[in-house]
Amino acid sequence: MARLFHVPLSPFCRKVRLSLAEKKIEVELVEEKYWEKSPDFLRRNPAAKVPVLRLDGRVMSESAAICEYIEETRPEPALMPKTPEARFEVRRLVSWFDDKFHHEVTSKLLYERVNKKVTGQGYPDSKNVKEGARAIKFHLDYMAWLLDQRRWLAGDQMTLADFAAAAHLSSLDYISDVDWNRSQVVKDWYAKIKSRPAFRSILADQVPGFRPPAHYADLDF
């Protein structure tokens, strides 16, 4: 069985979990306190970051590379389109959420509100929280613009781009940092993707000291 060393609210771990679940790959989840940098974990990934996936006799790190490996070795159901142009768009959007969105939003909200407390790094920086709350509006508007033209973020089929976005937004939704009333088309997209069986384990996550809002696991929110 595959084994994933993860943190429940990490969007990078959630992206890998969604890919594994969509492909129906059974996986054992092991919560890893990566900030403690245990010798065992550093042997798995000297970068001291999650996720780390053990699959096919390999130990793999970096979520984008892991998801590409899963796609190449388990191509069905497909999370990448067939044409080079369409695959480029998926990769562009995955990078958008894992780089730009993460830097401007996730690190300013989730990391300040949750990670600092969990890792014992002190209290949230109010300036960062305000910046993240302002920046997420731009990103939701950008998603709405994409979804006004497409069925899914990268085109007419659900792809890894949707999982990357949903991984970040679901983590932020756990701490009530997403204004779902800002865009009906984005809210409808999220309701559609969170209703997939692949999302079930993510919606069941519980983080000690933090209680998700009532709508978090509601498929008809």
Protein backbone atom coordinates (compact mmCIF):
# COMPACT_ATOMS: atom_id res chain seq x y z
CA MET A 1 0.00 0.00 0.00
CA ALA A 2 1.12 3.55 -0.71
CA ARG A 3 2.02 5.72 2.24
CA LEU A 4 1.71 9.51 2.33
CA PHE A 5 3.45 11.61 4.94
CA HIS A 6 1.31 14.71 5.18
CA VAL A 7 -0.25 17.53 7.19
CA PRO A 8 -4.08 17.64 7.01
CA LEU A 9 -4.48 21.30 6.00
CA SER A 10 -1.47 21.49 3.70
CA PRO A 11 -2.81 22.34 0.22
CA PHE A 12 0.16 20.59 -1.37
CA CYS A 13 -0.63 17.39 0.53
CA ARG A 14 -4.31 17.75 -0.31
CA LYS A 15 -3.54 18.05 -4.02
CA VAL A 16 -1.68 14.73 -3.87
CA ARG A 17 -4.44 13.14 -1.80
CA LEU A 18 -7.04 14.21 -4.35
CA SER A 19 -4.99 12.78 -7.20
CA LEU A 20 -4.51 9.47 -5.39
CA ALA A 21 -8.20 9.24 -4.49
CA GLU A 22 -9.38 10.11 -8.00
CA LYS A 23 -7.15 7.32 -9.34
CA LYS A 24 -8.49 4.99 -6.61
CA ILE A 25 -5.00 4.35 -5.23
CA GLU A 26 -5.28 3.08 -1.67
CA VAL A 27 -2.99 5.05 0.63
CA GLU A 28 -2.07 5.09 4.29
CA LEU A 29 -1.98 8.64 5.66
CA VAL A 30 0.74 9.41 8.19
CA GLU A 31 0.70 12.83 9.83
CA GLU A 32 4.21 14.24 9.88
CA LYS A 33 5.36 17.09 12.13
CA TYR A 34 7.80 18.26 9.51
CA TRP A 35 8.85 21.32 11.54
CA GLU A 36 10.47 19.00 14.12
CA LYS A 37 12.83 17.73 11.39
CA SER A 38 13.15 14.23 12.78
CA PRO A 39 16.09 12.19 11.43
CA ASP A 40 13.71 9.64 9.90
CA PHE A 41 11.80 12.31 8.02
CA LEU A 42 14.95 14.09 6.86
CA ARG A 43 16.13 10.81 5.36
CA ARG A 44 12.92 10.70 3.34
CA ASN A 45 13.17 14.34 2.27
CA PRO A 46 16.21 16.44 3.24
CA ALA A 47 14.18 19.54 2.33
CA ALA A 48 12.01 18.79 5.39
CA LYS A 49 8.77 19.44 3.50
CA VAL A 50 5.56 17.51 3.03
CA PRO A 51 4.10 15.76 1.14
CA VAL A 52 6.33 12.72 0.85
CA LEU A 53 4.84 9.73 -0.96
CA ARG A 54 6.04 6.15 -0.84
CA LEU A 55 4.72 4.41 -3.95
CA ASP A 56 6.03 1.71 -6.29
CA GLY A 57 9.05 1.21 -4.08
CA ARG A 58 10.02 4.87 -4.45
CA VAL A 59 10.07 7.72 -1.96
CA MET A 60 8.99 10.91 -3.70
CA SER A 61 8.76 14.57 -2.69
CA GLU A 62 7.47 17.81 -4.25
CA SER A 63 3.75 17.76 -4.91
CA ALA A 64 3.85 18.79 -8.58
CA ALA A 65 6.36 16.08 -9.44
CA ILE A 66 4.40 13.52 -7.42
CA CYS A 67 1.15 14.34 -9.23
CA GLU A 68 2.87 14.13 -12.63
CA TYR A 69 4.32 10.73 -11.67
CA ILE A 70 0.90 9.48 -10.62
CA GLU A 71 -0.59 10.72 -13.88
CA GLU A 72 2.09 9.08 -16.01
CA THR A 73 1.95 5.72 -14.22
CA ARG A 74 -1.84 5.66 -13.69
CA PRO A 75 -3.25 7.57 -16.68
CA GLU A 76 -6.90 6.70 -16.01
CA PRO A 77 -8.99 8.56 -15.16
CA ALA A 78 -7.02 11.32 -16.83
CA LEU A 79 -6.21 14.50 -14.91
CA MET A 80 -4.19 15.93 -17.79
CA PRO A 81 -5.64 16.65 -21.25
CA LYS A 82 -4.18 15.16 -24.43
CA THR A 83 -2.93 18.15 -26.43
CA PRO A 84 0.28 20.04 -25.59
CA GLU A 85 -1.61 23.33 -25.53
CA ALA A 86 -4.18 22.06 -23.05
CA ARG A 87 -1.52 20.43 -20.87
CA PHE A 88 0.37 23.72 -20.80
CA GLU A 89 -2.73 25.49 -19.50
CA VAL A 90 -3.15 22.93 -16.72
CA ARG A 91 0.48 23.27 -15.68
CA ARG A 92 0.22 27.07 -15.82
CA LEU A 93 -2.74 27.08 -13.47
CA VAL A 94 -1.23 24.52 -11.10
CA SER A 95 1.80 26.82 -10.86
CA TRP A 96 -0.51 29.83 -10.39
CA PHE A 97 -2.13 28.32 -7.32
CA ASP A 98 0.94 26.65 -5.86
CA ASP A 99 3.12 29.72 -6.37
CA LYS A 100 1.21 33.01 -6.72
CA PHE A 101 -1.95 32.07 -4.79
CA HIS A 102 0.11 30.34 -2.12
CA HIS A 103 2.46 33.30 -1.69
CA GLU A 104 -0.27 35.95 -1.72
CA VAL A 105 -3.09 34.15 0.08
CA THR A 106 -2.45 30.76 1.68
CA SER A 107 0.79 31.76 3.41
CA LYS A 108 -0.84 34.97 4.67
CA LEU A 109 -4.01 33.38 6.03
CA LEU A 110 -3.65 29.66 6.71
CA TYR A 111 -0.02 29.80 7.77
CA GLU A 112 -0.57 32.81 10.01
CA ARG A 113 -3.78 31.55 11.62
CA VAL A 114 -2.99 27.82 11.87
CA ASN A 115 0.63 26.91 11.19
CA LYS A 116 2.09 29.41 13.64
CA LYS A 117 -0.08 28.05 16.44
CA VAL A 118 0.52 24.40 15.60
CA THR A 119 4.28 24.82 15.28
CA GLY A 120 4.61 27.11 18.31
CA GLN A 121 5.81 30.12 16.33
CA GLY A 122 3.64 32.69 18.06
CA TYR A 123 0.64 34.76 17.05
CA PRO A 124 -0.66 35.76 13.61
CA ASP A 125 0.80 38.86 12.00
CA SER A 126 -2.24 41.10 11.46
CA LYS A 127 -0.59 42.84 8.51
CA ASN A 128 -0.14 39.54 6.69
CA VAL A 129 -3.70 38.48 7.47
CA LYS A 130 -5.07 41.74 6.05
CA GLU A 131 -2.95 41.35 2.92
CA GLY A 132 -4.15 37.79 2.41
CA ALA A 133 -7.80 38.75 2.92
CA ARG A 134 -7.41 41.47 0.30
CA ALA A 135 -5.52 39.30 -2.18
CA ILE A 136 -7.99 36.40 -2.17
CA LYS A 137 -10.62 38.69 -3.69
CA PHE A 138 -8.46 39.16 -6.79
CA HIS A 139 -7.91 35.43 -7.12
CA LEU A 140 -11.60 34.59 -6.74
CA ASP A 141 -12.39 37.16 -9.42
CA TYR A 142 -9.77 35.61 -11.70
CA MET A 143 -11.30 32.17 -11.16
CA ALA A 144 -14.73 33.60 -11.95
CA TRP A 145 -13.38 35.05 -15.19
CA LEU A 146 -11.95 31.65 -16.19
CA LEU A 147 -15.13 29.80 -15.26
CA ASP A 148 -17.30 32.21 -17.21
CA GLN A 149 -15.57 30.85 -20.33
CA ARG A 150 -14.98 27.22 -19.37
CA ARG A 151 -16.69 24.32 -17.64
CA TRP A 152 -13.61 23.77 -15.45
CA LEU A 153 -10.64 26.01 -14.68
CA ALA A 154 -8.40 24.80 -17.51
CA GLY A 155 -11.03 23.80 -20.07
CA ASP A 156 -13.96 21.48 -20.65
CA GLN A 157 -12.72 18.65 -18.43
CA MET A 158 -11.73 18.47 -14.79
CA THR A 159 -7.94 18.41 -14.43
CA LEU A 160 -5.14 18.68 -11.94
CA ALA A 161 -5.60 22.46 -12.13
CA ASP A 162 -8.98 22.10 -10.43
CA PHE A 163 -7.48 19.90 -7.73
CA ALA A 164 -4.67 22.40 -7.11
CA ALA A 165 -7.17 25.24 -6.69
CA ALA A 166 -9.56 23.16 -4.60
CA ALA A 167 -6.73 22.03 -2.34
CA HIS A 168 -5.89 25.62 -1.43
CA LEU A 169 -9.48 26.80 -1.14
CA SER A 170 -10.61 23.82 0.95
CA SER A 171 -7.78 24.47 3.42
CA LEU A 172 -8.80 28.12 3.67
CA ASP A 173 -12.47 27.18 3.90
CA TYR A 174 -11.66 25.12 7.00
CA ILE A 175 -10.82 28.38 8.77
CA SER A 176 -13.67 30.36 7.16
CA ASP A 177 -11.41 32.49 4.98
CA VAL A 178 -13.28 32.14 1.67
CA ASP A 179 -16.15 34.48 0.80
CA TRP A 180 -18.28 32.13 -1.28
CA ASN A 181 -20.82 34.88 -1.87
CA ARG A 182 -18.34 36.84 -3.98
CA SER A 183 -18.91 34.69 -7.08
CA GLN A 184 -21.75 32.25 -7.75
CA VAL A 185 -19.83 30.57 -10.58
CA VAL A 186 -16.86 29.87 -8.28
CA LYS A 187 -19.17 28.63 -5.54
CA ASP A 188 -20.90 26.30 -8.02
CA TRP A 189 -17.52 25.02 -9.24
CA TYR A 190 -16.40 24.27 -5.69
CA ALA A 191 -19.69 22.56 -4.81
CA LYS A 192 -19.27 20.39 -7.89
CA ILE A 193 -15.71 19.37 -7.13
CA LYS A 194 -16.19 18.84 -3.39
CA SER A 195 -19.06 16.42 -4.13
CA ARG A 196 -16.65 14.00 -5.82
CA PRO A 197 -15.77 10.82 -3.90
CA ALA A 198 -12.11 11.87 -3.99
CA PHE A 199 -12.96 14.72 -1.62
CA ARG A 200 -14.46 12.59 1.16
CA SER A 201 -11.36 12.04 3.26
CA ILE A 202 -10.40 15.70 3.02
CA LEU A 203 -13.81 16.84 4.26
CA ALA A 204 -13.41 14.47 7.23
CA ASP A 205 -10.14 16.10 8.38
CA GLN A 206 -10.05 17.41 11.93
CA VAL A 207 -7.32 19.70 13.24
CA PRO A 208 -7.07 19.92 17.05
CA GLY A 209 -7.80 23.42 18.28
CA PHE A 210 -9.62 24.44 15.10
CA ARG A 211 -13.24 23.74 14.25
CA PRO A 212 -14.41 24.09 10.64
CA PRO A 213 -17.56 26.06 9.80
CA ALA A 214 -20.87 24.21 9.56
CA HIS A 215 -20.86 24.34 5.75
CA TYR A 216 -17.35 22.86 5.41
CA ALA A 217 -18.46 19.27 4.82
CA ASP A 218 -21.89 20.20 3.45
CA LEU A 219 -22.17 19.19 -0.20
CA ASP A 220 -25.11 21.57 -0.69
CA PHE A 221 -23.57 24.63 0.96
